[in-house]
Full PDB file with SEQRES, HELIX, SHEET, SSBOND, CRYST1, ORIGX, SCALE, CONECT and MASTER records, all heavy atoms in Angstrom:
SEQRES   1 A   34  ILE ALA ARG ASP TYR ALA LYS ASN THR VAL TYR LEU GLN          
SEQRES   2 A   34  MET TYR SER LEU LYS PRO GLU GLU LYS ALA VAL TYR TYR          
SEQRES   3 A   34  CYS ALA ALA GLU TRP PRO GLY SER                              
HELIX    1 AA1 PRO A   19  GLU A   21  5                                   3    
SHEET    1 AA1 2 ALA A   2  ASP A   4  0                                        
SHEET    2 AA1 2 THR A   9  TYR A  11 -1                                        
CRYST1    1.000    1.000    1.000  90.00  90.00  90.00 P 1           1          
ORIGX1      1.000000  0.000000  0.000000        0.00000                         
ORIGX2      0.000000  1.000000  0.000000        0.00000                         
ORIGX3      0.000000  0.000000  1.000000        0.00000                         
SCALE1      1.000000  0.000000  0.000000        0.00000                         
SCALE2      0.000000  1.000000  0.000000        0.00000                         
SCALE3      0.000000  0.000000  1.000000        0.00000                         
ATOM      1  N   ILE A   1     109.939 209.036 -29.484  1.00  0.00           N  
ATOM      2  CA  ILE A   1     111.163 208.291 -29.325  1.00  0.00           C  
ATOM      3  C   ILE A   1     111.123 207.870 -27.897  1.00  0.00           C  
ATOM      4  O   ILE A   1     110.725 208.639 -26.951  1.00  0.00           O  
ATOM      5  CB  ILE A   1     112.426 209.125 -29.618  1.00  0.00           C  
ATOM      6  CG1 ILE A   1     113.650 208.153 -29.540  1.00  0.00           C  
ATOM      7  CG2 ILE A   1     112.621 210.293 -28.765  1.00  0.00           C  
ATOM      8  CD1 ILE A   1     114.844 208.914 -30.099  1.00  0.00           C  
ATOM      9  N   ALA A   2     111.561 206.643 -27.636  1.00  0.00           N  
ATOM     10  CA  ALA A   2     111.570 206.127 -26.295  1.00  0.00           C  
ATOM     11  C   ALA A   2     112.727 205.081 -26.117  1.00  0.00           C  
ATOM     12  O   ALA A   2     113.130 204.572 -27.221  1.00  0.00           O  
ATOM     13  CB  ALA A   2     110.189 205.499 -25.851  1.00  0.00           C  
ATOM     14  N   ARG A   3     113.195 204.800 -24.875  1.00  0.00           N  
ATOM     15  CA  ARG A   3     114.124 203.848 -24.738  1.00  0.00           C  
ATOM     16  C   ARG A   3     113.864 202.853 -23.688  1.00  0.00           C  
ATOM     17  O   ARG A   3     113.224 203.270 -22.585  1.00  0.00           O  
ATOM     18  CB  ARG A   3     115.564 204.492 -24.476  1.00  0.00           C  
ATOM     19  CG  ARG A   3     115.675 205.305 -23.376  1.00  0.00           C  
ATOM     20  CD  ARG A   3     116.944 206.117 -23.361  1.00  0.00           C  
ATOM     21  NE  ARG A   3     118.133 205.477 -23.484  1.00  0.00           N  
ATOM     22  CZ  ARG A   3     119.325 205.910 -23.962  1.00  0.00           C  
ATOM     23  NH1 ARG A   3     119.464 207.183 -24.073  1.00  0.00           N  
ATOM     24  NH2 ARG A   3     120.357 205.056 -24.066  1.00  0.00           N  
ATOM     25  N   ASP A   4     114.141 201.627 -23.810  1.00  0.00           N  
ATOM     26  CA  ASP A   4     113.912 200.591 -22.832  1.00  0.00           C  
ATOM     27  C   ASP A   4     115.286 200.128 -22.379  1.00  0.00           C  
ATOM     28  O   ASP A   4     115.940 199.321 -23.118  1.00  0.00           O  
ATOM     29  CB  ASP A   4     113.094 199.498 -23.440  1.00  0.00           C  
ATOM     30  CG  ASP A   4     112.628 198.445 -22.443  1.00  0.00           C  
ATOM     31  OD1 ASP A   4     113.452 198.171 -21.556  1.00  0.00           O  
ATOM     32  OD2 ASP A   4     111.636 197.840 -22.637  1.00  0.00           O  
ATOM     33  N   TYR A   5     115.626 200.535 -21.163  1.00  0.00           N  
ATOM     34  CA  TYR A   5     116.953 200.132 -20.677  1.00  0.00           C  
ATOM     35  C   TYR A   5     117.074 198.675 -20.436  1.00  0.00           C  
ATOM     36  O   TYR A   5     118.133 197.988 -20.660  1.00  0.00           O  
ATOM     37  CB  TYR A   5     117.258 200.896 -19.397  1.00  0.00           C  
ATOM     38  CG  TYR A   5     117.384 202.353 -19.607  1.00  0.00           C  
ATOM     39  CD1 TYR A   5     116.364 203.189 -19.438  1.00  0.00           C  
ATOM     40  CD2 TYR A   5     118.602 202.860 -20.072  1.00  0.00           C  
ATOM     41  CE1 TYR A   5     116.450 204.597 -19.601  1.00  0.00           C  
ATOM     42  CE2 TYR A   5     118.826 204.292 -20.270  1.00  0.00           C  
ATOM     43  CZ  TYR A   5     117.674 205.073 -20.194  1.00  0.00           C  
ATOM     44  OH  TYR A   5     117.794 206.493 -20.395  1.00  0.00           O  
ATOM     45  N   ALA A   6     116.077 197.945 -19.949  1.00  0.00           N  
ATOM     46  CA  ALA A   6     116.001 196.505 -19.689  1.00  0.00           C  
ATOM     47  C   ALA A   6     116.326 195.780 -21.021  1.00  0.00           C  
ATOM     48  O   ALA A   6     116.994 194.762 -21.002  1.00  0.00           O  
ATOM     49  CB  ALA A   6     114.674 196.062 -19.126  1.00  0.00           C  
ATOM     50  N   LYS A   7     115.772 196.217 -22.132  1.00  0.00           N  
ATOM     51  CA  LYS A   7     115.900 195.626 -23.447  1.00  0.00           C  
ATOM     52  C   LYS A   7     117.022 196.164 -24.201  1.00  0.00           C  
ATOM     53  O   LYS A   7     117.367 195.799 -25.339  1.00  0.00           O  
ATOM     54  CB  LYS A   7     114.649 195.644 -24.287  1.00  0.00           C  
ATOM     55  CG  LYS A   7     113.464 194.872 -23.675  1.00  0.00           C  
ATOM     56  CD  LYS A   7     112.247 194.980 -24.400  1.00  0.00           C  
ATOM     57  CE  LYS A   7     111.154 194.073 -23.793  1.00  0.00           C  
ATOM     58  NZ  LYS A   7     109.871 194.182 -24.565  1.00  0.00           N  
ATOM     59  N   ASN A   8     117.723 197.309 -23.657  1.00  0.00           N  
ATOM     60  CA  ASN A   8     118.770 197.851 -24.371  1.00  0.00           C  
ATOM     61  C   ASN A   8     118.462 198.282 -25.806  1.00  0.00           C  
ATOM     62  O   ASN A   8     119.155 198.011 -26.781  1.00  0.00           O  
ATOM     63  CB  ASN A   8     119.940 196.944 -24.486  1.00  0.00           C  
ATOM     64  CG  ASN A   8     121.329 197.556 -24.486  1.00  0.00           C  
ATOM     65  OD1 ASN A   8     121.533 198.691 -23.962  1.00  0.00           O  
ATOM     66  ND2 ASN A   8     122.158 196.969 -25.250  1.00  0.00           N  
ATOM     67  N   THR A   9     117.272 198.848 -25.918  1.00  0.00           N  
ATOM     68  CA  THR A   9     116.731 199.195 -27.210  1.00  0.00           C  
ATOM     69  C   THR A   9     116.004 200.622 -27.239  1.00  0.00           C  
ATOM     70  O   THR A   9     115.537 200.984 -26.165  1.00  0.00           O  
ATOM     71  CB  THR A   9     115.559 198.124 -27.575  1.00  0.00           C  
ATOM     72  OG1 THR A   9     116.166 196.858 -27.636  1.00  0.00           O  
ATOM     73  CG2 THR A   9     114.935 198.429 -28.984  1.00  0.00           C  
ATOM     74  N   VAL A  10     116.274 201.292 -28.312  1.00  0.00           N  
ATOM     75  CA  VAL A  10     115.574 202.540 -28.522  1.00  0.00           C  
ATOM     76  C   VAL A  10     114.494 202.347 -29.552  1.00  0.00           C  
ATOM     77  O   VAL A  10     114.757 201.692 -30.588  1.00  0.00           O  
ATOM     78  CB  VAL A  10     116.662 203.652 -28.963  1.00  0.00           C  
ATOM     79  CG1 VAL A  10     115.825 204.815 -29.274  1.00  0.00           C  
ATOM     80  CG2 VAL A  10     117.515 203.923 -27.800  1.00  0.00           C  
ATOM     81  N   TYR A  11     113.387 203.056 -29.456  1.00  0.00           N  
ATOM     82  CA  TYR A  11     112.251 202.861 -30.437  1.00  0.00           C  
ATOM     83  C   TYR A  11     111.965 204.280 -30.989  1.00  0.00           C  
ATOM     84  O   TYR A  11     112.023 205.320 -30.341  1.00  0.00           O  
ATOM     85  CB  TYR A  11     110.910 202.415 -29.721  1.00  0.00           C  
ATOM     86  CG  TYR A  11     111.193 201.064 -29.010  1.00  0.00           C  
ATOM     87  CD1 TYR A  11     111.484 200.977 -27.677  1.00  0.00           C  
ATOM     88  CD2 TYR A  11     111.229 199.847 -29.782  1.00  0.00           C  
ATOM     89  CE1 TYR A  11     111.614 199.777 -27.014  1.00  0.00           C  
ATOM     90  CE2 TYR A  11     111.315 198.627 -29.129  1.00  0.00           C  
ATOM     91  CZ  TYR A  11     111.562 198.559 -27.816  1.00  0.00           C  
ATOM     92  OH  TYR A  11     111.761 197.398 -27.111  1.00  0.00           O  
ATOM     93  N   LEU A  12     111.421 204.161 -32.258  1.00  0.00           N  
ATOM     94  CA  LEU A  12     110.805 205.402 -32.808  1.00  0.00           C  
ATOM     95  C   LEU A  12     109.446 204.916 -33.303  1.00  0.00           C  
ATOM     96  O   LEU A  12     109.314 204.162 -34.370  1.00  0.00           O  
ATOM     97  CB  LEU A  12     111.686 205.879 -33.995  1.00  0.00           C  
ATOM     98  CG  LEU A  12     111.111 207.146 -34.642  1.00  0.00           C  
ATOM     99  CD1 LEU A  12     111.184 208.321 -33.634  1.00  0.00           C  
ATOM    100  CD2 LEU A  12     111.840 207.538 -35.992  1.00  0.00           C  
ATOM    101  N   GLN A  13     108.378 205.332 -32.567  1.00  0.00           N  
ATOM    102  CA  GLN A  13     107.081 205.066 -32.910  1.00  0.00           C  
ATOM    103  C   GLN A  13     106.525 206.131 -33.916  1.00  0.00           C  
ATOM    104  O   GLN A  13     106.558 207.338 -33.562  1.00  0.00           O  
ATOM    105  CB  GLN A  13     106.195 204.969 -31.737  1.00  0.00           C  
ATOM    106  CG  GLN A  13     104.694 204.736 -31.999  1.00  0.00           C  
ATOM    107  CD  GLN A  13     104.411 203.394 -32.601  1.00  0.00           C  
ATOM    108  OE1 GLN A  13     104.748 202.448 -31.990  1.00  0.00           O  
ATOM    109  NE2 GLN A  13     103.857 203.381 -33.894  1.00  0.00           N  
ATOM    110  N   MET A  14     106.082 205.755 -35.034  1.00  0.00           N  
ATOM    111  CA  MET A  14     105.732 206.776 -36.103  1.00  0.00           C  
ATOM    112  C   MET A  14     104.208 206.477 -36.391  1.00  0.00           C  
ATOM    113  O   MET A  14     103.881 205.461 -36.811  1.00  0.00           O  
ATOM    114  CB  MET A  14     106.588 206.588 -37.267  1.00  0.00           C  
ATOM    115  CG  MET A  14     108.144 206.698 -37.034  1.00  0.00           C  
ATOM    116  SD  MET A  14     109.103 206.540 -38.478  1.00  0.00           S  
ATOM    117  CE  MET A  14     108.817 204.834 -39.035  1.00  0.00           C  
ATOM    118  N   TYR A  15     103.548 207.551 -36.320  1.00  0.00           N  
ATOM    119  CA  TYR A  15     102.113 207.610 -36.699  1.00  0.00           C  
ATOM    120  C   TYR A  15     101.781 208.621 -37.856  1.00  0.00           C  
ATOM    121  O   TYR A  15     102.592 209.517 -38.049  1.00  0.00           O  
ATOM    122  CB  TYR A  15     101.168 208.042 -35.485  1.00  0.00           C  
ATOM    123  CG  TYR A  15     101.241 207.043 -34.365  1.00  0.00           C  
ATOM    124  CD1 TYR A  15     101.966 207.412 -33.215  1.00  0.00           C  
ATOM    125  CD2 TYR A  15     100.486 205.914 -34.428  1.00  0.00           C  
ATOM    126  CE1 TYR A  15     101.824 206.654 -32.109  1.00  0.00           C  
ATOM    127  CE2 TYR A  15     100.458 205.024 -33.373  1.00  0.00           C  
ATOM    128  CZ  TYR A  15     101.280 205.430 -32.231  1.00  0.00           C  
ATOM    129  OH  TYR A  15     101.220 204.529 -31.091  1.00  0.00           O  
ATOM    130  N   SER A  16     100.660 208.418 -38.578  1.00  0.00           N  
ATOM    131  CA  SER A  16     100.266 209.436 -39.580  1.00  0.00           C  
ATOM    132  C   SER A  16     101.394 209.542 -40.654  1.00  0.00           C  
ATOM    133  O   SER A  16     101.642 210.717 -40.992  1.00  0.00           O  
ATOM    134  CB  SER A  16      99.854 210.638 -39.020  1.00  0.00           C  
ATOM    135  OG  SER A  16      98.740 210.438 -38.131  1.00  0.00           O  
ATOM    136  N   LEU A  17     102.081 208.469 -41.078  1.00  0.00           N  
ATOM    137  CA  LEU A  17     103.155 208.674 -41.922  1.00  0.00           C  
ATOM    138  C   LEU A  17     102.641 209.151 -43.329  1.00  0.00           C  
ATOM    139  O   LEU A  17     101.532 209.013 -43.730  1.00  0.00           O  
ATOM    140  CB  LEU A  17     103.843 207.264 -42.196  1.00  0.00           C  
ATOM    141  CG  LEU A  17     104.824 206.820 -41.107  1.00  0.00           C  
ATOM    142  CD1 LEU A  17     104.956 205.392 -41.093  1.00  0.00           C  
ATOM    143  CD2 LEU A  17     106.023 207.623 -41.146  1.00  0.00           C  
ATOM    144  N   LYS A  18     103.619 210.021 -43.938  1.00  0.00           N  
ATOM    145  CA  LYS A  18     103.258 210.675 -45.212  1.00  0.00           C  
ATOM    146  C   LYS A  18     104.205 210.190 -46.256  1.00  0.00           C  
ATOM    147  O   LYS A  18     105.371 209.756 -45.995  1.00  0.00           O  
ATOM    148  CB  LYS A  18     103.527 212.104 -44.986  1.00  0.00           C  
ATOM    149  CG  LYS A  18     102.775 212.822 -43.887  1.00  0.00           C  
ATOM    150  CD  LYS A  18     103.273 214.290 -43.737  1.00  0.00           C  
ATOM    151  CE  LYS A  18     102.468 214.849 -42.459  1.00  0.00           C  
ATOM    152  NZ  LYS A  18     102.933 216.318 -42.311  1.00  0.00           N  
ATOM    153  N   PRO A  19     103.736 210.096 -47.560  1.00  0.00           N  
ATOM    154  CA  PRO A  19     104.621 209.592 -48.585  1.00  0.00           C  
ATOM    155  C   PRO A  19     105.980 210.207 -48.650  1.00  0.00           C  
ATOM    156  O   PRO A  19     106.950 209.533 -48.988  1.00  0.00           O  
ATOM    157  CB  PRO A  19     103.841 209.879 -49.871  1.00  0.00           C  
ATOM    158  CG  PRO A  19     102.382 209.850 -49.302  1.00  0.00           C  
ATOM    159  CD  PRO A  19     102.394 210.496 -48.029  1.00  0.00           C  
ATOM    160  N   GLU A  20     106.066 211.490 -48.310  1.00  0.00           N  
ATOM    161  CA  GLU A  20     107.328 212.140 -48.470  1.00  0.00           C  
ATOM    162  C   GLU A  20     108.311 211.720 -47.279  1.00  0.00           C  
ATOM    163  O   GLU A  20     109.523 212.192 -47.295  1.00  0.00           O  
ATOM    164  CB  GLU A  20     107.201 213.699 -48.336  1.00  0.00           C  
ATOM    165  CG  GLU A  20     106.365 214.235 -47.181  1.00  0.00           C  
ATOM    166  CD  GLU A  20     104.853 214.386 -47.393  1.00  0.00           C  
ATOM    167  OE1 GLU A  20     104.369 213.630 -48.211  1.00  0.00           O  
ATOM    168  OE2 GLU A  20     104.313 215.318 -46.876  1.00  0.00           O  
ATOM    169  N   GLU A  21     107.828 210.916 -46.467  1.00  0.00           N  
ATOM    170  CA  GLU A  21     108.739 210.497 -45.291  1.00  0.00           C  
ATOM    171  C   GLU A  21     109.327 209.158 -45.689  1.00  0.00           C  
ATOM    172  O   GLU A  21     110.044 208.559 -44.784  1.00  0.00           O  
ATOM    173  CB  GLU A  21     107.875 210.378 -43.943  1.00  0.00           C  
ATOM    174  CG  GLU A  21     107.528 211.775 -43.534  1.00  0.00           C  
ATOM    175  CD  GLU A  21     106.676 211.695 -42.267  1.00  0.00           C  
ATOM    176  OE1 GLU A  21     105.733 211.092 -42.186  1.00  0.00           O  
ATOM    177  OE2 GLU A  21     107.153 212.544 -41.390  1.00  0.00           O  
ATOM    178  N   LYS A  22     109.154 208.754 -46.927  1.00  0.00           N  
ATOM    179  CA  LYS A  22     109.853 207.522 -47.380  1.00  0.00           C  
ATOM    180  C   LYS A  22     111.399 207.971 -47.320  1.00  0.00           C  
ATOM    181  O   LYS A  22     111.902 208.818 -47.885  1.00  0.00           O  
ATOM    182  CB  LYS A  22     109.570 207.196 -48.889  1.00  0.00           C  
ATOM    183  CG  LYS A  22     110.387 206.225 -49.516  1.00  0.00           C  
ATOM    184  CD  LYS A  22     110.030 205.992 -51.005  1.00  0.00           C  
ATOM    185  CE  LYS A  22     110.872 205.040 -51.603  1.00  0.00           C  
ATOM    186  NZ  LYS A  22     110.567 204.783 -53.075  1.00  0.00           N  
ATOM    187  N   ALA A  23     112.140 206.962 -46.650  1.00  0.00           N  
ATOM    188  CA  ALA A  23     113.564 207.284 -46.447  1.00  0.00           C  
ATOM    189  C   ALA A  23     114.233 206.111 -45.790  1.00  0.00           C  
ATOM    190  O   ALA A  23     113.436 205.157 -45.223  1.00  0.00           O  
ATOM    191  CB  ALA A  23     113.831 208.534 -45.568  1.00  0.00           C  
ATOM    192  N   VAL A  24     115.538 206.013 -45.696  1.00  0.00           N  
ATOM    193  CA  VAL A  24     116.222 205.124 -44.965  1.00  0.00           C  
ATOM    194  C   VAL A  24     116.405 205.805 -43.523  1.00  0.00           C  
ATOM    195  O   VAL A  24     116.815 206.992 -43.493  1.00  0.00           O  
ATOM    196  CB  VAL A  24     117.590 204.699 -45.445  1.00  0.00           C  
ATOM    197  CG1 VAL A  24     118.260 203.786 -44.517  1.00  0.00           C  
ATOM    198  CG2 VAL A  24     117.385 204.059 -46.847  1.00  0.00           C  
ATOM    199  N   TYR A  25     115.950 205.124 -42.526  1.00  0.00           N  
ATOM    200  CA  TYR A  25     116.083 205.705 -41.141  1.00  0.00           C  
ATOM    201  C   TYR A  25     117.240 205.050 -40.419  1.00  0.00           C  
ATOM    202  O   TYR A  25     117.322 203.804 -40.434  1.00  0.00           O  
ATOM    203  CB  TYR A  25     114.759 205.338 -40.369  1.00  0.00           C  
ATOM    204  CG  TYR A  25     113.621 206.215 -40.832  1.00  0.00           C  
ATOM    205  CD1 TYR A  25     113.034 206.130 -42.132  1.00  0.00           C  
ATOM    206  CD2 TYR A  25     113.084 207.221 -39.935  1.00  0.00           C  
ATOM    207  CE1 TYR A  25     112.024 206.968 -42.585  1.00  0.00           C  
ATOM    208  CE2 TYR A  25     112.042 208.072 -40.351  1.00  0.00           C  
ATOM    209  CZ  TYR A  25     111.471 207.979 -41.622  1.00  0.00           C  
ATOM    210  OH  TYR A  25     110.501 208.817 -42.098  1.00  0.00           O  
ATOM    211  N   TYR A  26     117.964 205.939 -39.805  1.00  0.00           N  
ATOM    212  CA  TYR A  26     119.276 205.514 -39.238  1.00  0.00           C  
ATOM    213  C   TYR A  26     119.124 205.803 -37.696  1.00  0.00           C  
ATOM    214  O   TYR A  26     118.718 206.846 -37.313  1.00  0.00           O  
ATOM    215  CB  TYR A  26     120.483 206.193 -39.794  1.00  0.00           C  
ATOM    216  CG  TYR A  26     120.654 206.019 -41.179  1.00  0.00           C  
ATOM    217  CD1 TYR A  26     120.068 206.714 -42.189  1.00  0.00           C  
ATOM    218  CD2 TYR A  26     121.514 204.897 -41.568  1.00  0.00           C  
ATOM    219  CE1 TYR A  26     120.461 206.459 -43.571  1.00  0.00           C  
ATOM    220  CE2 TYR A  26     121.788 204.560 -42.901  1.00  0.00           C  
ATOM    221  CZ  TYR A  26     121.164 205.374 -43.912  1.00  0.00           C  
ATOM    222  OH  TYR A  26     121.447 205.113 -45.237  1.00  0.00           O  
ATOM    223  N   CYS A  27     119.668 204.847 -36.928  1.00  0.00           N  
ATOM    224  CA  CYS A  27     119.810 205.004 -35.460  1.00  0.00           C  
ATOM    225  C   CYS A  27     121.349 205.540 -35.281  1.00  0.00           C  
ATOM    226  O   CYS A  27     122.221 205.044 -35.949  1.00  0.00           O  
ATOM    227  CB  CYS A  27     119.654 203.723 -34.848  1.00  0.00           C  
ATOM    228  SG  CYS A  27     119.818 203.713 -32.991  1.00  0.00           S  
ATOM    229  N   ALA A  28     121.419 206.392 -34.332  1.00  0.00           N  
ATOM    230  CA  ALA A  28     122.787 206.922 -34.013  1.00  0.00           C  
ATOM    231  C   ALA A  28     122.951 206.957 -32.524  1.00  0.00           C  
ATOM    232  O   ALA A  28     121.969 207.167 -31.763  1.00  0.00           O  
ATOM    233  CB  ALA A  28     122.968 208.270 -34.583  1.00  0.00           C  
ATOM    234  N   ALA A  29     124.220 206.874 -32.032  1.00  0.00           N  
ATOM    235  CA  ALA A  29     124.551 206.857 -30.572  1.00  0.00           C  
ATOM    236  C   ALA A  29     125.846 207.670 -30.372  1.00  0.00           C  
ATOM    237  O   ALA A  29     126.683 207.579 -31.253  1.00  0.00           O  
ATOM    238  CB  ALA A  29     124.607 205.468 -30.058  1.00  0.00           C  
ATOM    239  N   GLU A  30     125.832 208.279 -29.197  1.00  0.00           N  
ATOM    240  CA  GLU A  30     126.995 208.880 -28.741  1.00  0.00           C  
ATOM    241  C   GLU A  30     127.083 209.030 -27.275  1.00  0.00           C  
ATOM    242  O   GLU A  30     125.961 209.170 -26.548  1.00  0.00           O  
ATOM    243  CB  GLU A  30     127.065 210.313 -29.356  1.00  0.00           C  
ATOM    244  CG  GLU A  30     128.393 211.029 -29.018  1.00  0.00           C  
ATOM    245  CD  GLU A  30     129.582 210.266 -29.484  1.00  0.00           C  
ATOM    246  OE1 GLU A  30     129.755 209.752 -30.563  1.00  0.00           O  
ATOM    247  OE2 GLU A  30     130.493 210.019 -28.460  1.00  0.00           O  
ATOM    248  N   TRP A  31     128.305 208.925 -26.708  1.00  0.00           N  
ATOM    249  CA  TRP A  31     128.319 209.065 -25.289  1.00  0.00           C  
ATOM    250  C   TRP A  31     128.675 210.483 -25.035  1.00  0.00           C  
ATOM    251  O   TRP A  31     129.726 211.056 -25.476  1.00  0.00           O  
ATOM    252  CB  TRP A  31     129.477 208.182 -24.862  1.00  0.00           C  
ATOM    253  CG  TRP A  31     129.773 208.205 -23.175  1.00  0.00           C  
ATOM    254  CD1 TRP A  31     128.885 207.736 -22.305  1.00  0.00           C  
ATOM    255  CD2 TRP A  31     130.909 208.696 -22.623  1.00  0.00           C  
ATOM    256  NE1 TRP A  31     129.392 208.118 -21.076  1.00  0.00           N  
ATOM    257  CE2 TRP A  31     130.670 208.676 -21.258  1.00  0.00           C  
ATOM    258  CE3 TRP A  31     132.149 209.370 -23.055  1.00  0.00           C  
ATOM    259  CZ2 TRP A  31     131.644 209.094 -20.234  1.00  0.00           C  
ATOM    260  CZ3 TRP A  31     132.998 209.764 -22.128  1.00  0.00           C  
ATOM    261  CH2 TRP A  31     132.673 209.619 -20.732  1.00  0.00           C  
ATOM    262  N   PRO A  32     127.778 211.223 -24.325  1.00  0.00           N  
ATOM    263  CA  PRO A  32     128.036 212.724 -24.114  1.00  0.00           C  
ATOM    264  C   PRO A  32     129.180 213.027 -23.351  1.00  0.00           C  
ATOM    265  O   PRO A  32     129.818 214.083 -23.566  1.00  0.00           O  
ATOM    266  CB  PRO A  32     126.697 213.081 -23.330  1.00  0.00           C  
ATOM    267  CG  PRO A  32     125.746 211.998 -23.599  1.00  0.00           C  
ATOM    268  CD  PRO A  32     126.579 210.711 -23.672  1.00  0.00           C  
ATOM    269  N   GLY A  33     129.659 212.173 -22.388  1.00  0.00           N  
ATOM    270  CA  GLY A  33     130.740 212.453 -21.431  1.00  0.00           C  
ATOM    271  C   GLY A  33     130.344 213.815 -20.707  1.00  0.00           C  
ATOM    272  O   GLY A  33     129.316 214.147 -20.314  1.00  0.00           O  
ATOM    273  N   SER A  34     131.339 214.602 -20.561  1.00  0.00           N  
ATOM    274  CA  SER A  34     131.106 215.873 -20.006  1.00  0.00           C  
ATOM    275  C   SER A  34     131.057 217.124 -20.915  1.00  0.00           C  
ATOM    276  O   SER A  34     131.060 218.193 -20.507  1.00  0.00           O  
ATOM    277  CB  SER A  34     132.267 216.220 -18.883  1.00  0.00           C  
ATOM    278  OG  SER A  34     133.425 216.222 -19.612  1.00  0.00           O  
TER     279      SER A  34                                                      
MASTER        0    0    0    1    2    0    0    6  278    1    0    3          
END                                                                             
C-alpha cells in the first residue's frame, strides 16, 4: 500500500494473486483526529 499526496491517490499493488483472493476490494478513509 502506498499513497501519492500530489495525486491525492492511494494505491494497492498486488502481486502473486491467488484465486481465493477474488473479491470486491474497497477503499476506506478516516480522519484520525486525536
